[in-house]
Amino acid sequence: MRSSLFRGLSFAGLVLAGLLAGAAAQASSTLRVGSRVLVAGDSAARAVELLGRPSHVARRRAGRRGRRGGVAVAVPAGERWQYRRGGHTVVLTIVDGAVADIDDRRD
């Protein structure tokens, strides 16, 4: 009985630790902006409509960036748009005029 209780508590502790570690930075496919939602796949124009002009834009060329499991990872050309929003930094990855990724980081 005691060992099953210990295992249950250990599992709960691991889950809690994982949630806390993931709270600082979160890559997602959605971002709530007031009562509206920006979704990966939305146009760059929609992102500007919801968030305004980015405070910083970094352009990147297509190429191979590093290796994952011994295989070169191809990175498409695009831009990274950075926004500061009330204690958070939001970075949108824009590829071919659409939002490809949303990264929300707490400062």
Foldseek 3Di string as FASTA:
>chain_A
DVVVVVVVVVVVVVVVVVVVVCPQKDKDQWDDQPPDIHGFFAFPVVVCVRQNAAPDKDWDDWDWDDDDPNHTDTDHTWMWGWHDDDQWIWIFTAHPRTTHIIMIGGD
